[in-house]
Amino acid sequence: MNSSSVPFYGIVESVCAGKMKILLVSDVETKTKVEGELRIIACLSGKIRNNKIRITMGDKVKVNINPRNLQKASKDNGWISGTGTVVFREK
């Protein structure tokens, strides 16, 4: 994990060509719920891609997001595009 990234848990809403729309649910470290409906468009990390782990709609995933882009989200109606990386899929 990059020291400047913030981990979140989210639920995958849709998957299309390696990009996925994720609804953020809670912060990983503090376990606090995300206020409002914050959605991101994220891509897969290299280890998930190399190990051919399949992620489908409804999966709970851990996403790393750059904190600078979280500040921009409030201005853009809650959407953060292309800034998240899926690093873990819950079973």
PDB file of N, CA and C in Angstrom:
ATOM      1  N   MET A   1       0.848  -1.184   0.000  1.00  0.00           N
ATOM      2  CA  MET A   1       0.000   0.000   0.000  1.00  0.00           C
ATOM      3  C   MET A   1       0.882   1.232   0.000  1.00  0.00           C
ATOM      4  N   ASN A   2       0.543   2.172  -0.796  1.00  0.00           N
ATOM      5  CA  ASN A   2       1.257   3.437  -0.856  1.00  0.00           C
ATOM      6  C   ASN A   2       0.970   4.248   0.409  1.00  0.00           C
ATOM      7  N   SER A   3       1.980   4.935   0.939  1.00  0.00           N
ATOM      8  CA  SER A   3       1.789   5.666   2.191  1.00  0.00           C
ATOM      9  C   SER A   3       0.824   6.839   2.039  1.00  0.00           C
ATOM     10  N   SER A   4       0.638   7.313   0.816  1.00  0.00           N
ATOM     11  CA  SER A   4      -0.247   8.458   0.624  1.00  0.00           C
ATOM     12  C   SER A   4      -1.665   8.056   0.235  1.00  0.00           C
ATOM     13  N   SER A   5      -1.959   6.766   0.198  1.00  0.00           N
ATOM     14  CA  SER A   5      -3.303   6.348  -0.192  1.00  0.00           C
ATOM     15  C   SER A   5      -4.146   6.006   1.036  1.00  0.00           C
ATOM     16  N   VAL A   6      -5.464   6.144   0.866  1.00  0.00           N
ATOM     17  CA  VAL A   6      -6.413   5.878   1.941  1.00  0.00           C
ATOM     18  C   VAL A   6      -7.234   4.647   1.554  1.00  0.00           C
ATOM     19  N   PRO A   7      -7.242   3.588   2.407  1.00  0.00           N
ATOM     20  CA  PRO A   7      -8.013   2.391   2.054  1.00  0.00           C
ATOM     21  C   PRO A   7      -9.487   2.522   2.442  1.00  0.00           C
ATOM     22  N   PHE A   8     -10.363   2.004   1.586  1.00  0.00           N
ATOM     23  CA  PHE A   8     -11.804   1.980   1.822  1.00  0.00           C
ATOM     24  C   PHE A   8     -12.339   0.614   1.434  1.00  0.00           C
ATOM     25  N   TYR A   9     -13.476   0.235   2.025  1.00  0.00           N
ATOM     26  CA  TYR A   9     -14.218  -0.928   1.563  1.00  0.00           C
ATOM     27  C   TYR A   9     -15.346  -0.430   0.683  1.00  0.00           C
ATOM     28  N   GLY A  10     -15.650  -1.199  -0.344  1.00  0.00           N
ATOM     29  CA  GLY A  10     -16.734  -0.819  -1.233  1.00  0.00           C
ATOM     30  C   GLY A  10     -17.410  -2.034  -1.827  1.00  0.00           C
ATOM     31  N   ILE A  11     -18.527  -1.799  -2.498  1.00  0.00           N
ATOM     32  CA  ILE A  11     -19.281  -2.854  -3.171  1.00  0.00           C
ATOM     33  C   ILE A  11     -19.295  -2.544  -4.663  1.00  0.00           C
ATOM     34  N   VAL A  12     -18.944  -3.532  -5.468  1.00  0.00           N
ATOM     35  CA  VAL A  12     -18.864  -3.361  -6.916  1.00  0.00           C
ATOM     36  C   VAL A  12     -20.270  -3.254  -7.488  1.00  0.00           C
ATOM     37  N   GLU A  13     -20.527  -2.173  -8.233  1.00  0.00           N
ATOM     38  CA  GLU A  13     -21.837  -1.982  -8.868  1.00  0.00           C
ATOM     39  C   GLU A  13     -21.855  -2.466 -10.307  1.00  0.00           C
ATOM     40  N   SER A  14     -20.765  -2.248 -11.052  1.00  0.00           N
ATOM     41  CA  SER A  14     -20.701  -2.737 -12.431  1.00  0.00           C
ATOM     42  C   SER A  14     -19.244  -2.903 -12.835  1.00  0.00           C
ATOM     43  N   VAL A  15     -19.011  -3.807 -13.801  1.00  0.00           N
ATOM     44  CA  VAL A  15     -17.673  -4.096 -14.302  1.00  0.00           C
ATOM     45  C   VAL A  15     -17.707  -4.016 -15.812  1.00  0.00           C
ATOM     46  N   CYS A  16     -16.728  -3.299 -16.388  1.00  0.00           N
ATOM     47  CA  CYS A  16     -16.657  -3.184 -17.843  1.00  0.00           C
ATOM     48  C   CYS A  16     -15.200  -2.993 -18.264  1.00  0.00           C
ATOM     49  N   ALA A  17     -14.614  -3.993 -18.905  1.00  0.00           N
ATOM     50  CA  ALA A  17     -13.268  -3.929 -19.474  1.00  0.00           C
ATOM     51  C   ALA A  17     -12.212  -3.515 -18.449  1.00  0.00           C
ATOM     52  N   GLY A  18     -12.237  -4.137 -17.298  1.00  0.00           N
ATOM     53  CA  GLY A  18     -11.218  -3.865 -16.287  1.00  0.00           C
ATOM     54  C   GLY A  18     -11.490  -2.667 -15.406  1.00  0.00           C
ATOM     55  N   LYS A  19     -12.410  -1.813 -15.804  1.00  0.00           N
ATOM     56  CA  LYS A  19     -12.814  -0.676 -14.969  1.00  0.00           C
ATOM     57  C   LYS A  19     -14.099  -1.049 -14.257  1.00  0.00           C
ATOM     58  N   MET A  20     -14.246  -0.600 -13.031  1.00  0.00           N
ATOM     59  CA  MET A  20     -15.465  -0.932 -12.306  1.00  0.00           C
ATOM     60  C   MET A  20     -15.958   0.247 -11.506  1.00  0.00           C
ATOM     61  N   LYS A  21     -17.278   0.334 -11.375  1.00  0.00           N
ATOM     62  CA  LYS A  21     -17.902   1.358 -10.552  1.00  0.00           C
ATOM     63  C   LYS A  21     -18.126   0.769  -9.180  1.00  0.00           C
ATOM     64  N   ILE A  22     -17.632   1.479  -8.143  1.00  0.00           N
ATOM     65  CA  ILE A  22     -17.678   0.964  -6.784  1.00  0.00           C
ATOM     66  C   ILE A  22     -18.353   1.978  -5.877  1.00  0.00           C
ATOM     67  N   LEU A  23     -19.303   1.516  -5.079  1.00  0.00           N
ATOM     68  CA  LEU A  23     -19.953   2.330  -4.062  1.00  0.00           C
ATOM     69  C   LEU A  23     -19.172   2.148  -2.772  1.00  0.00           C
ATOM     70  N   LEU A  24     -18.574   3.230  -2.261  1.00  0.00           N
ATOM     71  CA  LEU A  24     -17.777   3.141  -1.043  1.00  0.00           C
ATOM     72  C   LEU A  24     -18.691   2.984   0.164  1.00  0.00           C
ATOM     73  N   VAL A  25     -18.348   2.041   1.054  1.00  0.00           N
ATOM     74  CA  VAL A  25     -19.178   1.727   2.199  1.00  0.00           C
ATOM     75  C   VAL A  25     -18.563   2.245   3.489  1.00  0.00           C
ATOM     76  N   SER A  26     -17.302   1.891   3.770  1.00  0.00           N
ATOM     77  CA  SER A  26     -16.689   2.300   5.034  1.00  0.00           C
ATOM     78  C   SER A  26     -15.185   2.465   4.887  1.00  0.00           C
ATOM     79  N   ASP A  27     -14.614   3.218   5.831  1.00  0.00           N
ATOM     80  CA  ASP A  27     -13.174   3.401   5.906  1.00  0.00           C
ATOM     81  C   ASP A  27     -12.578   2.163   6.556  1.00  0.00           C
ATOM     82  N   VAL A  28     -11.437   1.697   6.083  1.00  0.00           N
ATOM     83  CA  VAL A  28     -10.845   0.465   6.590  1.00  0.00           C
ATOM     84  C   VAL A  28     -10.286   0.646   7.999  1.00  0.00           C
ATOM     85  N   GLU A  29      -9.560   1.734   8.228  1.00  0.00           N
ATOM     86  CA  GLU A  29      -8.867   1.901   9.503  1.00  0.00           C
ATOM     87  C   GLU A  29      -9.804   2.255  10.647  1.00  0.00           C
ATOM     88  N   THR A  30     -10.721   3.183  10.437  1.00  0.00           N
ATOM     89  CA  THR A  30     -11.588   3.630  11.526  1.00  0.00           C
ATOM     90  C   THR A  30     -12.936   2.916  11.533  1.00  0.00           C
ATOM     91  N   LYS A  31     -13.232   2.153  10.452  1.00  0.00           N
ATOM     92  CA  LYS A  31     -14.498   1.422  10.318  1.00  0.00           C
ATOM     93  C   LYS A  31     -15.722   2.340  10.364  1.00  0.00           C
ATOM     94  N   THR A  32     -15.543   3.608  10.004  1.00  0.00           N
ATOM     95  CA  THR A  32     -16.678   4.526   9.968  1.00  0.00           C
ATOM     96  C   THR A  32     -17.330   4.467   8.596  1.00  0.00           C
ATOM     97  N   LYS A  33     -18.648   4.601   8.571  1.00  0.00           N
ATOM     98  CA  LYS A  33     -19.373   4.573   7.308  1.00  0.00           C
ATOM     99  C   LYS A  33     -19.142   5.871   6.551  1.00  0.00           C
ATOM    100  N   VAL A  34     -19.126   5.772   5.230  1.00  0.00           N
ATOM    101  CA  VAL A  34     -18.962   6.930   4.371  1.00  0.00           C
ATOM    102  C   VAL A  34     -20.286   7.675   4.309  1.00  0.00           C
ATOM    103  N   GLU A  35     -20.243   8.985   4.529  1.00  0.00           N
ATOM    104  CA  GLU A  35     -21.464   9.783   4.483  1.00  0.00           C
ATOM    105  C   GLU A  35     -21.892   9.997   3.042  1.00  0.00           C
ATOM    106  N   GLY A  36     -23.182   9.913   2.803  1.00  0.00           N
ATOM    107  CA  GLY A  36     -23.703  10.096   1.453  1.00  0.00           C
ATOM    108  C   GLY A  36     -23.353   8.906   0.585  1.00  0.00           C
ATOM    109  N   GLU A  37     -23.536   9.044  -0.701  1.00  0.00           N
ATOM    110  CA  GLU A  37     -23.203   7.983  -1.634  1.00  0.00           C
ATOM    111  C   GLU A  37     -22.002   8.409  -2.446  1.00  0.00           C
ATOM    112  N   LEU A  38     -20.837   7.947  -2.052  1.00  0.00           N
ATOM    113  CA  LEU A  38     -19.592   8.271  -2.741  1.00  0.00           C
ATOM    114  C   LEU A  38     -19.223   7.101  -3.636  1.00  0.00           C
ATOM    115  N   ARG A  39     -19.110   7.358  -4.935  1.00  0.00           N
ATOM    116  CA  ARG A  39     -18.796   6.313  -5.903  1.00  0.00           C
ATOM    117  C   ARG A  39     -17.490   6.640  -6.607  1.00  0.00           C
ATOM    118  N   ILE A  40     -16.748   5.583  -6.979  1.00  0.00           N
ATOM    119  CA  ILE A  40     -15.518   5.785  -7.721  1.00  0.00           C
ATOM    120  C   ILE A  40     -15.488   4.856  -8.927  1.00  0.00           C
ATOM    121  N   ILE A  41     -14.634   5.197  -9.877  1.00  0.00           N
ATOM    122  CA  ILE A  41     -14.327   4.311 -10.984  1.00  0.00           C
ATOM    123  C   ILE A  41     -12.898   3.858 -10.750  1.00  0.00           C
ATOM    124  N   ALA A  42     -12.707   2.555 -10.536  1.00  0.00           N
ATOM    125  CA  ALA A  42     -11.405   2.037 -10.157  1.00  0.00           C
ATOM    126  C   ALA A  42     -10.931   0.976 -11.146  1.00  0.00           C
ATOM    127  N   CYS A  43      -9.626   0.698 -11.093  1.00  0.00           N
ATOM    128  CA  CYS A  43      -9.044  -0.358 -11.909  1.00  0.00           C
ATOM    129  C   CYS A  43      -8.445  -1.418 -10.990  1.00  0.00           C
ATOM    130  N   LEU A  44      -8.025  -2.533 -11.554  1.00  0.00           N
ATOM    131  CA  LEU A  44      -7.468  -3.628 -10.773  1.00  0.00           C
ATOM    132  C   LEU A  44      -5.985  -3.403 -10.503  1.00  0.00           C
ATOM    133  N   SER A  45      -5.510  -3.880  -9.362  1.00  0.00           N
ATOM    134  CA  SER A  45      -4.082  -3.821  -9.076  1.00  0.00           C
ATOM    135  C   SER A  45      -3.368  -4.900  -9.893  1.00  0.00           C
ATOM    136  N   GLY A  46      -2.064  -4.798  -9.989  1.00  0.00           N
ATOM    137  CA  GLY A  46      -1.281  -5.742 -10.783  1.00  0.00           C
ATOM    138  C   GLY A  46      -1.364  -7.167 -10.277  1.00  0.00           C
ATOM    139  N   LYS A  47      -1.352  -7.357  -8.947  1.00  0.00           N
ATOM    140  CA  LYS A  47      -1.398  -8.711  -8.399  1.00  0.00           C
ATOM    141  C   LYS A  47      -2.739  -9.381  -8.681  1.00  0.00           C
ATOM    142  N   ILE A  48      -3.822  -8.629  -8.601  1.00  0.00           N
ATOM    143  CA  ILE A  48      -5.136  -9.198  -8.910  1.00  0.00           C
ATOM    144  C   ILE A  48      -5.210  -9.547 -10.393  1.00  0.00           C
ATOM    145  N   ARG A  49      -4.677  -8.693 -11.241  1.00  0.00           N
ATOM    146  CA  ARG A  49      -4.702  -8.938 -12.682  1.00  0.00           C
ATOM    147  C   ARG A  49      -3.822 -10.144 -13.042  1.00  0.00           C
ATOM    148  N   ASN A  50      -2.600 -10.222 -12.477  1.00  0.00           N
ATOM    149  CA  ASN A  50      -1.682 -11.325 -12.793  1.00  0.00           C
ATOM    150  C   ASN A  50      -2.194 -12.671 -12.299  1.00  0.00           C
ATOM    151  N   ASN A  51      -2.871 -12.691 -11.156  1.00  0.00           N
ATOM    152  CA  ASN A  51      -3.402 -13.940 -10.615  1.00  0.00           C
ATOM    153  C   ASN A  51      -4.791 -14.270 -11.150  1.00  0.00           C
ATOM    154  N   LYS A  52      -5.286 -13.446 -12.063  1.00  0.00           N
ATOM    155  CA  LYS A  52      -6.561 -13.667 -12.749  1.00  0.00           C
ATOM    156  C   LYS A  52      -7.721 -13.865 -11.774  1.00  0.00           C
ATOM    157  N   ILE A  53      -7.775 -13.018 -10.757  1.00  0.00           N
ATOM    158  CA  ILE A  53      -8.867 -13.063  -9.792  1.00  0.00           C
ATOM    159  C   ILE A  53     -10.066 -12.354 -10.412  1.00  0.00           C
ATOM    160  N   ARG A  54     -11.191 -13.027 -10.438  1.00  0.00           N
ATOM    161  CA  ARG A  54     -12.393 -12.455 -11.044  1.00  0.00           C
ATOM    162  C   ARG A  54     -13.176 -11.657 -10.019  1.00  0.00           C
ATOM    163  N   ILE A  55     -13.586 -10.487 -10.433  1.00  0.00           N
ATOM    164  CA  ILE A  55     -14.412  -9.629  -9.580  1.00  0.00           C
ATOM    165  C   ILE A  55     -15.715  -9.379 -10.316  1.00  0.00           C
ATOM    166  N   THR A  56     -16.827  -9.663  -9.644  1.00  0.00           N
ATOM    167  CA  THR A  56     -18.135  -9.518 -10.263  1.00  0.00           C
ATOM    168  C   THR A  56     -18.978  -8.532  -9.464  1.00  0.00           C
ATOM    169  N   MET A  57     -20.145  -8.222  -9.993  1.00  0.00           N
ATOM    170  CA  MET A  57     -21.051  -7.295  -9.318  1.00  0.00           C
ATOM    171  C   MET A  57     -21.445  -7.849  -7.952  1.00  0.00           C
ATOM    172  N   GLY A  58     -21.471  -6.965  -6.951  1.00  0.00           N
ATOM    173  CA  GLY A  58     -21.864  -7.362  -5.613  1.00  0.00           C
ATOM    174  C   GLY A  58     -20.722  -7.778  -4.713  1.00  0.00           C
ATOM    175  N   ASP A  59     -19.513  -7.947  -5.270  1.00  0.00           N
ATOM    176  CA  ASP A  59     -18.365  -8.316  -4.444  1.00  0.00           C
ATOM    177  C   ASP A  59     -17.959  -7.169  -3.534  1.00  0.00           C
ATOM    178  N   LYS A  60     -17.509  -7.503  -2.316  1.00  0.00           N
ATOM    179  CA  LYS A  60     -16.974  -6.504  -1.403  1.00  0.00           C
ATOM    180  C   LYS A  60     -15.470  -6.439  -1.639  1.00  0.00           C
ATOM    181  N   VAL A  61     -14.963  -5.244  -1.928  1.00  0.00           N
ATOM    182  CA  VAL A  61     -13.553  -5.077  -2.269  1.00  0.00           C
ATOM    183  C   VAL A  61     -12.908  -3.996  -1.401  1.00  0.00           C
ATOM    184  N   LYS A  62     -11.597  -4.067  -1.304  1.00  0.00           N
ATOM    185  CA  LYS A  62     -10.815  -3.027  -0.622  1.00  0.00           C
ATOM    186  C   LYS A  62     -10.159  -2.187  -1.706  1.00  0.00           C
ATOM    187  N   VAL A  63     -10.332  -0.867  -1.614  1.00  0.00           N
ATOM    188  CA  VAL A  63      -9.865   0.060  -2.641  1.00  0.00           C
ATOM    189  C   VAL A  63      -8.934   1.089  -2.005  1.00  0.00           C
ATOM    190  N   ASN A  64      -7.786   1.345  -2.641  1.00  0.00           N
ATOM    191  CA  ASN A  64      -6.901   2.418  -2.196  1.00  0.00           C
ATOM    192  C   ASN A  64      -7.164   3.651  -3.047  1.00  0.00           C
ATOM    193  N   ILE A  65      -7.321   4.802  -2.383  1.00  0.00           N
ATOM    194  CA  ILE A  65      -7.640   6.051  -3.070  1.00  0.00           C
ATOM    195  C   ILE A  65      -6.664   7.129  -2.611  1.00  0.00           C
ATOM    196  N   ASN A  66      -6.255   7.974  -3.528  1.00  0.00           N
ATOM    197  CA  ASN A  66      -5.394   9.102  -3.200  1.00  0.00           C
ATOM    198  C   ASN A  66      -6.219  10.146  -2.436  1.00  0.00           C
ATOM    199  N   PRO A  67      -5.750  10.612  -1.261  1.00  0.00           N
ATOM    200  CA  PRO A  67      -6.557  11.554  -0.473  1.00  0.00           C
ATOM    201  C   PRO A  67      -6.815  12.890  -1.177  1.00  0.00           C
ATOM    202  N   ARG A  68      -5.936  13.295  -2.068  1.00  0.00           N
ATOM    203  CA  ARG A  68      -6.137  14.546  -2.803  1.00  0.00           C
ATOM    204  C   ARG A  68      -7.393  14.456  -3.664  1.00  0.00           C
ATOM    205  N   ASN A  69      -7.652  13.270  -4.217  1.00  0.00           N
ATOM    206  CA  ASN A  69      -8.823  13.077  -5.063  1.00  0.00           C
ATOM    207  C   ASN A  69     -10.107  12.965  -4.259  1.00  0.00           C
ATOM    208  N   LEU A  70     -10.012  12.584  -2.988  1.00  0.00           N
ATOM    209  CA  LEU A  70     -11.201  12.553  -2.132  1.00  0.00           C
ATOM    210  C   LEU A  70     -11.741  13.957  -1.900  1.00  0.00           C
ATOM    211  N   GLN A  71     -10.861  14.946  -1.826  1.00  0.00           N
ATOM    212  CA  GLN A  71     -11.304  16.330  -1.633  1.00  0.00           C
ATOM    213  C   GLN A  71     -12.044  16.838  -2.861  1.00  0.00           C
ATOM    214  N   LYS A  72     -11.634  16.400  -4.059  1.00  0.00           N
ATOM    215  CA  LYS A  72     -12.309  16.820  -5.281  1.00  0.00           C
ATOM    216  C   LYS A  72     -13.688  16.196  -5.419  1.00  0.00           C
ATOM    217  N   ALA A  73     -13.938  15.083  -4.751  1.00  0.00           N
ATOM    218  CA  ALA A  73     -15.190  14.339  -4.920  1.00  0.00           C
ATOM    219  C   ALA A  73     -16.399  15.146  -4.493  1.00  0.00           C
ATOM    220  N   SER A  74     -16.254  15.951  -3.457  1.00  0.00           N
ATOM    221  CA  SER A  74     -17.406  16.710  -2.984  1.00  0.00           C
ATOM    222  C   SER A  74     -17.862  17.741  -4.011  1.00  0.00           C
ATOM    223  N   LYS A  75     -16.963  18.168  -4.881  1.00  0.00           N
ATOM    224  CA  LYS A  75     -17.319  19.151  -5.907  1.00  0.00           C
ATOM    225  C   LYS A  75     -17.947  18.503  -7.130  1.00  0.00           C
ATOM    226  N   ASP A  76     -17.650  17.228  -7.359  1.00  0.00           N
ATOM    227  CA  ASP A  76     -18.089  16.551  -8.579  1.00  0.00           C
ATOM    228  C   ASP A  76     -19.255  15.602  -8.345  1.00  0.00           C
ATOM    229  N   ASN A  77     -20.207  15.977  -7.512  1.00  0.00           N
ATOM    230  CA  ASN A  77     -21.410  15.174  -7.247  1.00  0.00           C
ATOM    231  C   ASN A  77     -21.098  13.783  -6.717  1.00  0.00           C
ATOM    232  N   GLY A  78     -20.008  13.629  -5.975  1.00  0.00           N
ATOM    233  CA  GLY A  78     -19.698  12.359  -5.352  1.00  0.00           C
ATOM    234  C   GLY A  78     -18.967  11.348  -6.206  1.00  0.00           C
ATOM    235  N   TRP A  79     -18.649  11.672  -7.463  1.00  0.00           N
ATOM    236  CA  TRP A  79     -17.928  10.736  -8.334  1.00  0.00           C
ATOM    237  C   TRP A  79     -16.444  11.033  -8.316  1.00  0.00           C
ATOM    238  N   ILE A  80     -15.639   9.985  -8.185  1.00  0.00           N
ATOM    239  CA  ILE A  80     -14.191  10.095  -8.338  1.00  0.00           C
ATOM    240  C   ILE A  80     -13.839   9.148  -9.471  1.00  0.00           C
ATOM    241  N   SER A  81     -13.233   9.634 -10.542  1.00  0.00           N
ATOM    242  CA  SER A  81     -12.981   8.759 -11.683  1.00  0.00           C
ATOM    243  C   SER A  81     -11.504   8.446 -11.845  1.00  0.00           C
ATOM    244  N   GLY A  82     -11.211   7.172 -12.038  1.00  0.00           N
ATOM    245  CA  GLY A  82      -9.866   6.731 -12.373  1.00  0.00           C
ATOM    246  C   GLY A  82      -8.824   6.871 -11.279  1.00  0.00           C
ATOM    247  N   THR A  83      -9.241   7.025 -10.036  1.00  0.00           N
ATOM    248  CA  THR A  83      -8.265   7.273  -8.984  1.00  0.00           C
ATOM    249  C   THR A  83      -8.111   6.119  -8.017  1.00  0.00           C
ATOM    250  N   GLY A  84      -8.981   5.133  -8.088  1.00  0.00           N
ATOM    251  CA  GLY A  84      -8.934   4.024  -7.142  1.00  0.00           C
ATOM    252  C   GLY A  84      -8.270   2.802  -7.734  1.00  0.00           C
ATOM    253  N   THR A  85      -7.692   1.980  -6.853  1.00  0.00           N
ATOM    254  CA  THR A  85      -7.100   0.720  -7.257  1.00  0.00           C
ATOM    255  C   THR A  85      -7.652  -0.375  -6.355  1.00  0.00           C
ATOM    256  N   VAL A  86      -8.259  -1.387  -6.941  1.00  0.00           N
ATOM    257  CA  VAL A  86      -8.793  -2.508  -6.176  1.00  0.00           C
ATOM    258  C   VAL A  86      -7.616  -3.394  -5.782  1.00  0.00           C
ATOM    259  N   VAL A  87      -7.414  -3.580  -4.463  1.00  0.00           N
ATOM    260  CA  VAL A  87      -6.276  -4.348  -3.991  1.00  0.00           C
ATOM    261  C   VAL A  87      -6.656  -5.653  -3.299  1.00  0.00           C
ATOM    262  N   PHE A  88      -7.939  -5.846  -2.964  1.00  0.00           N
ATOM    263  CA  PHE A  88      -8.355  -7.066  -2.274  1.00  0.00           C
ATOM    264  C   PHE A  88      -9.836  -7.321  -2.512  1.00  0.00           C
ATOM    265  N   ARG A  89     -10.185  -8.609  -2.669  1.00  0.00           N
ATOM    266  CA  ARG A  89     -11.583  -9.001  -2.826  1.00  0.00           C
ATOM    267  C   ARG A  89     -11.944  -9.924  -1.673  1.00  0.00           C
ATOM    268  N   GLU A  90     -13.029  -9.584  -0.965  1.00  0.00           N
ATOM    269  CA  GLU A  90     -13.508 -10.421   0.138  1.00  0.00           C
ATOM    270  C   GLU A  90     -14.151 -11.684  -0.430  1.00  0.00           C
ATOM    271  N   LYS A  91     -14.102 -12.766   0.313  1.00  0.00           N
ATOM    272  CA  LYS A  91     -14.728 -14.013  -0.138  1.00  0.00           C
ATOM    273  C   LYS A  91     -16.183 -14.039   0.232  1.00  0.00           C
TER     274      LYS A  91
END
